[in-house]
């Protein structure tokens, strides 16, 4: 609980600093001056894009969950898990709080931890694999252009891509190799027992071992459903394409027309890779600096600071606001009508 409060305070402080710097740099004056000339329709489209991003997140979670653990009111449960994941991803370093918070919410809504962990891990693998392939495509097609425009671009690109590749490799090992996972679990629990962090070590180990068995069985079920994985990957591709298109919408709202959609999407892909190794919640400071560095190629001196402000509001602070509201307004639903998928013998 203390960590959550601390992370939230960090986000609030960083938001205040960002707002102060925005005003201090005359960004607010520039925005107010240019607001009369901005295309409102493009800003509405940008807002619609982030909403579509959240809905795709919900739909992907819904589809994977339905294939494993079909229960009543599943779409509402998926929506709540998706939005709370957005909230905690935004307020924790490296987006580390997203999946644990989703796991908690799903178990609170009658989806056992073993199934919830499996669902989230499969979704994570699909997500990382899709983004890695997306990144490879962008690097192959657009690397030379951005490398010629941005100093030290190759180093940032290498770090971001390497980090994301390592993450997916570990995720695959964890989900496929149950023996290795079991050994890691034993080592972790032994360390925890030595520092006397938990009581009833044997009971805890047996319970976690049972959940881990369920996890691997569920992951195996999903891996044998190629159509499900492909469909979820396609949805993930659409989800992130919509997200990556937001800077282009902001760009068009300023009446700028030099850059095309694909180049702007590629710029956002590179920026997302750079942001992945910034340890602060929401990749604060690094996100704004990265946007200034990369998108400064396309925006002029008068529009770049207001553009950063609008981009950050739409892609980051809106997720915090929507996720916070979802955690309060969407109820926990304890369903009595549960049907476990019979396609795989658990």
Protein backbone atom coordinates (compact mmCIF):
# COMPACT_ATOMS: atom_id res chain seq x y z
CA UNK A 1 0.00 0.00 0.00
CA UNK A 2 2.86 2.36 0.82
CA UNK A 3 4.45 1.64 -2.56
CA UNK A 4 1.21 2.49 -4.35
CA UNK A 5 0.89 5.78 -2.47
CA UNK A 6 4.54 6.60 -3.10
CA UNK A 7 4.26 5.89 -6.83
CA UNK A 8 1.09 7.95 -7.07
CA UNK A 9 2.79 10.84 -5.29
CA UNK A 10 5.72 10.57 -7.72
CA UNK A 11 3.28 10.81 -10.64
CA UNK A 12 1.56 13.85 -9.10
CA UNK A 13 4.88 15.61 -8.42
CA UNK A 14 6.17 14.88 -11.92
CA UNK A 15 2.87 16.07 -13.40
CA UNK A 16 3.18 19.32 -11.46
CA UNK A 17 6.80 19.75 -12.62
CA UNK A 18 5.76 19.06 -16.20
CA UNK A 19 2.89 21.53 -15.96
CA UNK A 20 5.18 24.15 -14.40
CA UNK A 21 7.81 23.73 -17.12
CA UNK A 22 5.10 23.84 -19.76
CA UNK A 23 3.79 27.14 -18.43
CA UNK A 24 7.29 28.50 -17.73
CA UNK A 25 8.37 27.79 -21.31
CA UNK A 26 5.37 29.77 -22.55
CA UNK A 27 3.85 26.52 -23.78
CA UNK A 28 0.45 27.49 -22.37
CA UNK A 29 0.60 30.85 -24.10
CA UNK A 30 1.54 29.17 -27.37
CA UNK A 31 -1.24 26.62 -26.99
CA UNK A 32 -3.86 29.26 -26.22
CA UNK A 33 -2.63 31.34 -29.12
CA UNK A 34 -2.74 28.41 -31.52
CA UNK A 35 -5.91 26.85 -30.12
CA UNK A 36 -8.08 29.07 -32.30
CA UNK A 37 -6.36 27.68 -35.37
CA UNK A 38 -6.23 24.03 -34.26
CA UNK A 39 -8.43 21.52 -36.05
CA UNK A 40 -10.86 20.29 -33.40
CA UNK A 41 -11.84 17.26 -35.48
CA UNK A 42 -8.27 15.92 -35.40
CA UNK A 43 -8.10 16.34 -31.62
CA UNK A 44 -11.38 14.45 -31.31
CA UNK A 45 -9.94 11.67 -33.48
CA UNK A 46 -6.87 11.57 -31.21
CA UNK A 47 -9.16 11.18 -28.18
CA UNK A 48 -11.12 8.50 -30.01
CA UNK A 49 -7.84 6.65 -30.72
CA UNK A 50 -6.97 6.32 -27.03
CA UNK A 51 -10.50 5.10 -26.28
CA UNK A 52 -10.13 2.51 -29.05
CA UNK A 53 -6.79 1.50 -27.53
CA UNK A 54 -8.53 0.78 -24.20
CA UNK A 55 -11.36 -1.11 -25.92
CA UNK A 56 -8.92 -3.27 -27.87
CA UNK A 57 -7.14 -4.03 -24.58
CA UNK A 58 -10.46 -5.09 -23.09
CA UNK A 59 -11.44 -7.16 -26.11
CA UNK A 60 -8.13 -9.06 -26.23
CA UNK A 61 -8.36 -9.85 -22.52
CA UNK A 62 -12.00 -10.89 -22.97
CA UNK A 63 -11.23 -13.25 -25.87
CA UNK A 64 -8.35 -15.01 -24.11
CA UNK A 65 -10.25 -15.29 -20.84
CA UNK A 66 -13.38 -16.63 -22.52
CA UNK A 67 -11.40 -19.44 -24.14
CA UNK A 68 -10.09 -20.59 -20.76
CA UNK A 69 -12.54 -19.59 -18.07
CA UNK A 70 -15.95 -18.51 -19.29
CA UNK A 71 -17.99 -16.73 -16.65
CA UNK A 72 -20.93 -14.32 -16.40
CA UNK A 73 -20.46 -10.61 -17.07
CA UNK A 74 -17.05 -11.36 -18.56
CA UNK A 75 -16.84 -8.21 -20.69
CA UNK A 76 -17.38 -5.96 -17.65
CA UNK A 77 -14.79 -7.93 -15.71
CA UNK A 78 -12.37 -7.64 -18.63
CA UNK A 79 -13.02 -3.91 -18.92
CA UNK A 80 -12.30 -3.37 -15.24
CA UNK A 81 -9.12 -5.47 -15.35
CA UNK A 82 -7.94 -3.69 -18.51
CA UNK A 83 -8.51 -0.18 -17.14
CA UNK A 84 -7.06 -0.88 -13.73
CA UNK A 85 -4.05 -2.33 -15.53
CA UNK A 86 -3.75 0.95 -17.44
CA UNK A 87 -3.88 2.90 -14.19
CA UNK A 88 -1.24 0.92 -12.31
CA UNK A 89 1.00 0.64 -15.36
CA UNK A 90 0.95 4.43 -15.55
CA UNK A 91 1.87 5.05 -11.92
CA UNK A 92 4.57 2.39 -11.46
CA UNK A 93 8.18 2.21 -12.74
CA UNK A 94 8.62 0.18 -15.94
CA UNK A 95 4.81 -0.31 -15.93
CA UNK A 96 5.47 -3.06 -13.39
CA UNK A 97 2.19 -2.65 -11.50
CA UNK A 98 -0.13 -3.38 -14.41
CA UNK A 99 -0.23 -7.18 -14.42
CA UNK A 100 -0.18 -7.69 -10.60
CA UNK A 101 -3.14 -5.32 -10.27
CA UNK A 102 -4.98 -7.15 -13.05
CA UNK A 103 -4.27 -10.48 -11.37
CA UNK A 104 -5.73 -9.16 -8.12
CA UNK A 105 -8.84 -7.77 -9.82
CA UNK A 106 -9.44 -10.98 -11.77
CA UNK A 107 -9.19 -13.13 -8.65
CA UNK A 108 -11.56 -10.75 -6.88
CA UNK A 109 -14.00 -11.42 -9.72
CA UNK A 110 -13.94 -15.21 -9.31
CA UNK A 111 -11.21 -16.08 -11.80
CA UNK A 112 -8.70 -18.25 -9.87
CA UNK A 113 -5.10 -17.09 -9.65
CA UNK A 114 -3.81 -19.99 -11.77
CA UNK A 115 -6.13 -19.17 -14.64
CA UNK A 116 -5.65 -15.41 -14.22
CA UNK A 117 -1.87 -15.76 -14.27
CA UNK A 118 -2.04 -17.93 -17.37
CA UNK A 119 -4.37 -15.54 -19.17
CA UNK A 120 -2.19 -12.54 -18.38
CA UNK A 121 1.04 -14.32 -19.31
CA UNK A 122 -0.35 -15.47 -22.67
CA UNK A 123 -1.64 -11.97 -23.36
CA UNK A 124 1.75 -10.54 -22.38
CA UNK A 125 3.61 -12.92 -24.71
CA UNK A 126 1.29 -12.08 -27.62
CA UNK A 127 1.69 -8.38 -26.83
CA UNK A 128 5.49 -8.48 -26.66
CA UNK A 129 5.84 -10.69 -29.73
CA UNK A 130 3.59 -8.41 -31.79
CA UNK A 131 5.42 -5.26 -30.70
CA UNK A 132 8.80 -6.88 -31.35
CA UNK A 133 7.78 -7.78 -34.91
CA UNK A 134 6.30 -4.28 -35.32
CA UNK A 135 9.60 -2.79 -34.15
CA UNK A 136 11.62 -4.97 -36.52
CA UNK A 137 9.48 -3.82 -39.45
CA UNK A 138 9.93 -0.16 -38.51
CA UNK A 139 13.68 -0.56 -37.97
CA UNK A 140 14.10 -2.20 -41.37
CA UNK A 141 12.05 0.43 -43.22
CA UNK A 142 12.72 3.67 -41.34
CA UNK A 143 15.96 3.34 -39.36
CA UNK A 144 18.14 5.15 -41.91
CA UNK A 145 15.80 8.14 -42.05
CA UNK A 146 15.68 8.69 -38.29
CA UNK A 147 19.34 7.83 -37.77
CA UNK A 148 20.29 10.58 -40.20
CA UNK A 149 18.12 13.12 -38.36
CA UNK A 150 18.70 12.31 -34.67
CA UNK A 151 22.10 12.25 -32.89
CA UNK A 152 23.00 8.94 -31.17
CA UNK A 153 19.77 7.44 -32.44
CA UNK A 154 21.36 4.03 -33.02
CA UNK A 155 22.26 3.64 -29.33
CA UNK A 156 18.77 4.45 -28.07
CA UNK A 157 17.28 2.14 -30.67
CA UNK A 158 19.62 -0.71 -29.73
CA UNK A 159 18.90 -0.39 -25.99
CA UNK A 160 15.13 -0.27 -26.42
CA UNK A 161 14.94 -3.15 -28.86
CA UNK A 162 17.33 -5.33 -26.82
CA UNK A 163 15.36 -4.79 -23.61
CA UNK A 164 12.05 -5.73 -25.25
CA UNK A 165 13.61 -8.83 -26.84
CA UNK A 166 15.04 -10.00 -23.50
CA UNK A 167 11.65 -9.56 -21.85
CA UNK A 168 9.84 -11.75 -24.38
CA UNK A 169 12.54 -14.44 -24.20
CA UNK A 170 12.16 -14.69 -20.42
CA UNK A 171 8.36 -14.70 -20.72
CA UNK A 172 8.50 -17.59 -23.18
CA UNK A 173 10.87 -19.57 -20.95
CA UNK A 174 8.69 -18.94 -17.92
CA UNK A 175 5.48 -20.05 -19.66
CA UNK A 176 6.92 -23.08 -21.48
CA UNK A 177 9.58 -24.55 -19.20
CA UNK A 178 7.70 -25.64 -16.09
CA UNK A 179 10.76 -27.37 -14.57
CA UNK A 180 12.85 -24.20 -14.74
CA UNK A 181 9.96 -22.17 -13.34
CA UNK A 182 9.61 -24.65 -10.48
CA UNK A 183 13.31 -24.37 -9.63
CA UNK A 184 13.12 -20.57 -9.65
CA UNK A 185 10.06 -20.75 -7.39
CA UNK A 186 11.84 -23.01 -4.90
CA UNK A 187 14.87 -20.71 -4.74
CA UNK A 188 12.66 -17.66 -4.23
CA UNK A 189 10.63 -19.30 -1.48
CA UNK A 190 13.75 -20.54 0.31
CA UNK A 191 15.12 -17.00 0.34
CA UNK A 192 11.81 -15.70 1.65
CA UNK A 193 11.75 -18.40 4.36
CA UNK A 194 15.28 -17.50 5.52
CA UNK A 195 14.30 -13.90 6.12
CA UNK A 196 11.13 -15.16 7.88
CA UNK A 197 8.84 -13.17 5.65
CA UNK A 198 6.14 -15.86 5.53
CA UNK A 199 4.78 -18.43 7.97
CA UNK A 200 3.65 -21.99 7.20
CA UNK A 201 6.21 -22.36 4.43
CA UNK A 202 5.12 -25.86 3.40
CA UNK A 203 1.45 -24.90 3.04
CA UNK A 204 2.35 -21.80 1.06
CA UNK A 205 4.62 -23.79 -1.23
CA UNK A 206 1.99 -26.46 -1.90
CA UNK A 207 -0.63 -23.81 -2.68
CA UNK A 208 1.66 -21.92 -5.07
CA UNK A 209 2.76 -25.20 -6.67
CA UNK A 210 -0.87 -26.09 -7.39
CA UNK A 211 -1.51 -22.67 -8.92
CA UNK A 212 1.69 -22.97 -10.95
CA UNK A 213 0.56 -26.34 -12.31
CA UNK A 214 -2.74 -24.80 -13.32
CA UNK A 215 -0.84 -21.92 -14.89
CA UNK A 216 1.27 -24.15 -17.13
CA UNK A 217 -1.69 -26.33 -18.11
CA UNK A 218 -3.64 -23.24 -19.09
CA UNK A 219 -0.71 -21.79 -21.01
CA UNK A 220 -0.36 -25.09 -22.87
CA UNK A 221 -4.04 -24.94 -23.79
CA UNK A 222 -3.68 -21.47 -25.27
CA UNK A 223 -0.47 -22.33 -27.14
CA UNK A 224 -2.29 -25.15 -28.93
CA UNK A 225 -4.94 -22.75 -30.22
CA UNK A 226 -3.15 -21.10 -33.12
CA UNK A 227 -6.28 -19.33 -34.36
CA UNK A 228 -6.81 -17.68 -31.00
CA UNK A 229 -3.18 -16.51 -30.83
CA UNK A 230 -3.23 -15.21 -34.40
CA UNK A 231 -6.53 -13.39 -33.89
CA UNK A 232 -5.29 -11.85 -30.63
CA UNK A 233 -2.06 -10.81 -32.37
CA UNK A 234 -4.03 -9.10 -35.15
CA UNK A 235 -6.11 -7.23 -32.56
CA UNK A 236 -2.90 -6.25 -30.74
CA UNK A 237 -1.49 -4.97 -34.03
CA UNK A 238 -4.59 -2.82 -34.58
CA UNK A 239 -4.53 -1.68 -30.95
CA UNK A 240 -1.00 -0.35 -31.11
CA UNK A 241 -1.38 1.08 -34.60
CA UNK A 242 -4.26 3.16 -33.25
CA UNK A 243 -2.10 4.27 -30.32
CA UNK A 244 0.89 5.04 -32.53
CA UNK A 245 -1.34 7.20 -34.74
CA UNK A 246 -2.14 9.70 -31.97
CA UNK A 247 0.89 11.98 -32.66
CA UNK A 248 -0.14 12.12 -36.31
CA UNK A 249 -3.62 13.32 -35.29
CA UNK A 250 -2.06 16.00 -33.09
CA UNK A 251 0.28 16.92 -35.93
CA UNK A 252 -2.65 17.33 -38.33
CA UNK A 253 -4.54 19.42 -35.76
CA UNK A 254 -1.83 22.09 -36.15
CA UNK A 255 -2.49 22.18 -39.89
CA UNK A 256 0.87 20.56 -40.68
CA UNK A 257 1.03 18.30 -43.72
CA UNK A 258 4.66 17.51 -44.59
CA UNK A 259 4.91 14.11 -42.84
CA UNK A 260 2.83 11.06 -43.72
CA UNK A 261 1.04 8.70 -41.34
CA UNK A 262 3.53 5.82 -41.60
CA UNK A 263 6.53 8.04 -40.78
CA UNK A 264 4.75 9.45 -37.72
CA UNK A 265 3.69 5.97 -36.62
CA UNK A 266 7.32 4.83 -36.98
CA UNK A 267 8.46 7.78 -34.87
CA UNK A 268 6.07 6.75 -32.09
CA UNK A 269 7.30 3.14 -32.29
CA UNK A 270 10.88 4.33 -31.77
CA UNK A 271 9.78 6.61 -28.94
CA UNK A 272 7.97 3.70 -27.24
CA UNK A 273 11.17 1.63 -27.46
CA UNK A 274 13.17 4.46 -25.87
CA UNK A 275 10.62 4.89 -23.09
CA UNK A 276 10.88 1.20 -22.13
CA UNK A 277 14.20 1.71 -20.29
CA UNK A 278 13.16 4.87 -18.39
CA UNK A 279 12.64 3.72 -14.76
CA UNK A 280 10.25 6.45 -13.63
CA UNK A 281 6.45 6.02 -13.67
CA UNK A 282 5.15 6.79 -17.14
CA UNK A 283 8.78 7.17 -18.29
CA UNK A 284 8.44 10.72 -17.01
CA UNK A 285 10.89 13.32 -18.33
CA UNK A 286 12.27 10.74 -20.77
CA UNK A 287 8.93 10.57 -22.58
CA UNK A 288 8.70 14.32 -22.99
CA UNK A 289 12.38 14.61 -23.91
CA UNK A 290 12.09 11.75 -26.38
CA UNK A 291 9.05 13.31 -28.02
CA UNK A 292 10.88 16.62 -28.33
CA UNK A 293 13.91 14.89 -29.84
CA UNK A 294 12.09 12.65 -32.32
CA UNK A 295 9.01 14.64 -33.23
CA UNK A 296 10.96 17.86 -33.35
CA UNK A 297 11.76 16.69 -36.88
CA UNK A 298 8.12 17.23 -37.85
CA UNK A 299 6.76 19.99 -35.59
CA UNK A 300 8.01 23.55 -35.85
CA UNK A 301 9.38 25.55 -32.93
CA UNK A 302 6.03 27.10 -32.08
CA UNK A 303 4.06 23.86 -32.04
CA UNK A 304 6.38 21.26 -30.49
CA UNK A 305 5.82 22.18 -26.81
CA UNK A 306 2.00 22.41 -27.07
CA UNK A 307 2.11 19.13 -29.03
CA UNK A 308 4.00 17.42 -26.19
CA UNK A 309 1.43 18.70 -23.72
CA UNK A 310 -1.53 17.39 -25.73
CA UNK A 311 0.18 14.07 -26.48
CA UNK A 312 0.95 13.50 -22.80
CA UNK A 313 -2.58 14.39 -21.72
CA UNK A 314 -4.18 12.03 -24.25
CA UNK A 315 -1.81 9.05 -23.98
CA UNK A 316 -0.84 9.15 -20.29
CA UNK A 317 -2.91 11.28 -17.95
CA UNK A 318 -6.16 10.23 -19.61
CA UNK A 319 -5.26 6.59 -18.81
CA UNK A 320 -4.71 7.49 -15.16
CA UNK A 321 -8.04 9.32 -14.99
CA UNK A 322 -10.02 6.62 -16.84
CA UNK A 323 -8.34 3.79 -14.92
CA UNK A 324 -9.01 5.50 -11.60
CA UNK A 325 -12.67 6.02 -12.46
CA UNK A 326 -13.00 2.39 -13.58
CA UNK A 327 -11.60 1.13 -10.27
CA UNK A 328 -14.23 3.14 -8.41
CA UNK A 329 -17.28 2.85 -10.66
CA UNK A 330 -17.04 -0.71 -12.00
CA UNK A 331 -18.11 -3.22 -9.32
CA UNK A 332 -16.52 -6.56 -8.48
CA UNK A 333 -18.79 -9.31 -9.81
CA UNK A 334 -18.77 -12.67 -8.06
CA UNK A 335 -20.32 -14.96 -10.62
CA UNK A 336 -22.01 -18.22 -9.75
CA UNK A 337 -22.28 -19.46 -13.34
CA UNK A 338 -18.79 -20.55 -14.36
CA UNK A 339 -17.83 -22.84 -17.21
CA UNK A 340 -14.24 -23.96 -17.58
CA UNK A 341 -13.20 -24.71 -21.13
CA UNK A 342 -13.36 -28.44 -21.85
CA UNK A 343 -11.04 -28.26 -24.87
CA UNK A 344 -8.10 -29.07 -22.64
CA UNK A 345 -8.22 -31.63 -19.81
CA UNK A 346 -7.26 -29.73 -16.69
